[in-house]
Every structure is written in structure tokens, then in C-alpha cells.
């Protein structure tokens, strides 16, 4: 079953580049994960359709609000590491997503 991951940033632009890199890495690695990107204002509209919400590092101040909403919806969540985000490391993001989805650190 495909796992659905939503990346969020301020306007959805930089997370869009990150999602594209992750989709490319997912295909190359043969993983069954779908990455999409939206702006932080759209989180509520998508929580019921995802397995994992990843927040851009520059929005980590939002994590308490995100945590509450995600726990209510039964969605896992985390912050994208700055090193992964800053270098658009798609493979690194796939690894981070898998770790969280498998119950690793958030």
C-alpha cells in the first residue's frame, strides 16, 4: 500500500522542489511512497488523506500546532532536517520518511 507524505513550507514552492527530488529518488529506489507539497495554510485540508506530514525546517516553530492536529487525525509528523532540505536531497528525505513511518524518531 502506497504511503502518502505531505511536505509543507510557507507557500509550497520550496517544498515542491523537495517533493520532486523525493519522487525521483523514490522511483530510483523502488519505494512505494508518494510525495506531495502544499503551503502550510493547506495542512487541514489534507490531513485525512496522508500518512505522514513533514514540515520544512524554517517552519519548525509550528510543530506544536502540527503535532496536535496530526495526533488528532492519526497522522505521523516530523521536521525535515535542514541538511536534507537545504540540499534538496531526495534520497535523504525518502530515508527520513521511512524512519518516521516505521515508528522511528519524529
Protein backbone atom coordinates (compact mmCIF):
# COMPACT_ATOMS: atom_id res chain seq x y z
CA UNK A 1 0.00 0.00 0.00
CA UNK A 2 1.39 3.36 -1.02
CA UNK A 3 2.29 5.64 1.87
CA UNK A 4 1.33 9.27 1.32
CA UNK A 5 3.64 12.01 2.54
CA UNK A 6 2.81 15.72 2.51
CA UNK A 7 5.61 18.28 2.68
CA UNK A 8 4.73 21.80 3.78
CA UNK A 9 6.51 25.13 3.66
CA UNK A 10 5.36 28.74 3.65
CA UNK A 11 3.94 28.93 0.13
CA UNK A 12 4.54 25.41 -1.14
CA UNK A 13 7.29 26.39 -3.59
CA UNK A 14 10.45 25.12 -1.89
CA UNK A 15 8.65 22.04 -0.59
CA UNK A 16 7.53 21.47 -4.20
CA UNK A 17 11.17 21.22 -5.29
CA UNK A 18 11.86 18.91 -2.34
CA UNK A 19 8.88 16.70 -3.22
CA UNK A 20 10.05 16.46 -6.84
CA UNK A 21 13.50 15.34 -5.68
CA UNK A 22 11.91 12.79 -3.34
CA UNK A 23 9.64 11.43 -6.11
CA UNK A 24 12.68 10.95 -8.34
CA UNK A 25 14.56 9.16 -5.54
CA UNK A 26 11.51 7.03 -4.69
CA UNK A 27 11.29 5.83 -8.28
CA UNK A 28 15.04 5.11 -8.42
CA UNK A 29 14.94 3.24 -5.08
CA UNK A 30 11.75 1.33 -5.95
CA UNK A 31 9.88 2.59 -2.87
CA UNK A 32 6.11 2.78 -2.54
CA UNK A 33 5.85 6.32 -1.16
CA UNK A 34 4.01 9.26 -2.73
CA UNK A 35 5.31 12.76 -2.00
CA UNK A 36 3.25 15.92 -2.46
CA UNK A 37 3.84 19.52 -1.40
CA UNK A 38 1.48 22.24 -0.22
CA UNK A 39 1.63 25.50 1.70
CA UNK A 40 1.30 25.40 5.48
CA UNK A 41 -2.12 27.03 5.21
CA UNK A 42 -3.45 23.90 3.45
CA UNK A 43 -2.49 21.34 6.12
CA UNK A 44 -6.00 20.92 7.50
CA UNK A 45 -7.43 20.18 4.06
CA UNK A 46 -5.09 17.22 3.53
CA UNK A 47 -4.59 15.57 6.94
CA UNK A 48 -7.22 12.90 6.39
CA UNK A 49 -5.58 11.74 3.15
CA UNK A 50 -1.96 11.30 4.28
CA UNK A 51 0.17 9.01 6.43
CA UNK A 52 2.95 11.48 7.23
CA UNK A 53 3.29 15.25 7.41
CA UNK A 54 6.78 16.69 7.09
CA UNK A 55 7.36 20.35 7.90
CA UNK A 56 10.12 22.45 6.32
CA UNK A 57 12.86 23.31 8.82
CA UNK A 58 12.15 27.05 8.67
CA UNK A 59 8.63 26.34 9.97
CA UNK A 60 9.68 24.29 12.99
CA UNK A 61 8.05 26.91 15.21
CA UNK A 62 4.72 25.39 14.06
CA UNK A 63 5.48 21.88 15.30
CA UNK A 64 3.30 22.11 18.44
CA UNK A 65 0.23 23.05 16.38
CA UNK A 66 1.10 20.40 13.78
CA UNK A 67 1.60 17.79 16.49
CA UNK A 68 -1.88 18.38 17.92
CA UNK A 69 -3.60 18.28 14.54
CA UNK A 70 -1.68 15.18 13.44
CA UNK A 71 -2.29 13.27 16.65
CA UNK A 72 -5.99 14.04 16.35
CA UNK A 73 -6.02 12.74 12.76
CA UNK A 74 -3.77 9.73 13.47
CA UNK A 75 -1.05 11.06 11.15
CA UNK A 76 2.67 10.81 11.84
CA UNK A 77 4.70 14.01 11.60
CA UNK A 78 8.21 15.40 11.67
CA UNK A 79 10.54 18.22 10.66
CA UNK A 80 12.65 17.81 7.54
CA UNK A 81 16.31 18.02 8.56
CA UNK A 82 17.95 21.26 7.36
CA UNK A 83 20.77 19.36 5.67
CA UNK A 84 18.28 17.32 3.60
CA UNK A 85 16.06 20.30 2.81
CA UNK A 86 18.85 22.74 2.01
CA UNK A 87 20.49 20.39 -0.48
CA UNK A 88 17.20 19.05 -1.94
CA UNK A 89 18.39 15.56 -1.02
CA UNK A 90 15.53 13.43 -2.30
CA UNK A 91 17.09 10.15 -1.20
CA UNK A 92 17.75 11.60 2.26
CA UNK A 93 14.11 12.62 2.50
CA UNK A 94 12.93 9.16 1.50
CA UNK A 95 15.07 7.71 4.31
CA UNK A 96 13.71 10.23 6.85
CA UNK A 97 10.12 9.48 5.78
CA UNK A 98 10.64 5.72 6.02
CA UNK A 99 12.15 6.02 9.50
CA UNK A 100 9.21 8.01 10.78
CA UNK A 101 6.62 5.83 9.05
CA UNK A 102 8.21 2.75 10.61
CA UNK A 103 7.90 4.26 14.06
CA UNK A 104 11.28 5.94 14.33
CA UNK A 105 12.11 9.32 15.78
CA UNK A 106 9.93 12.29 14.95
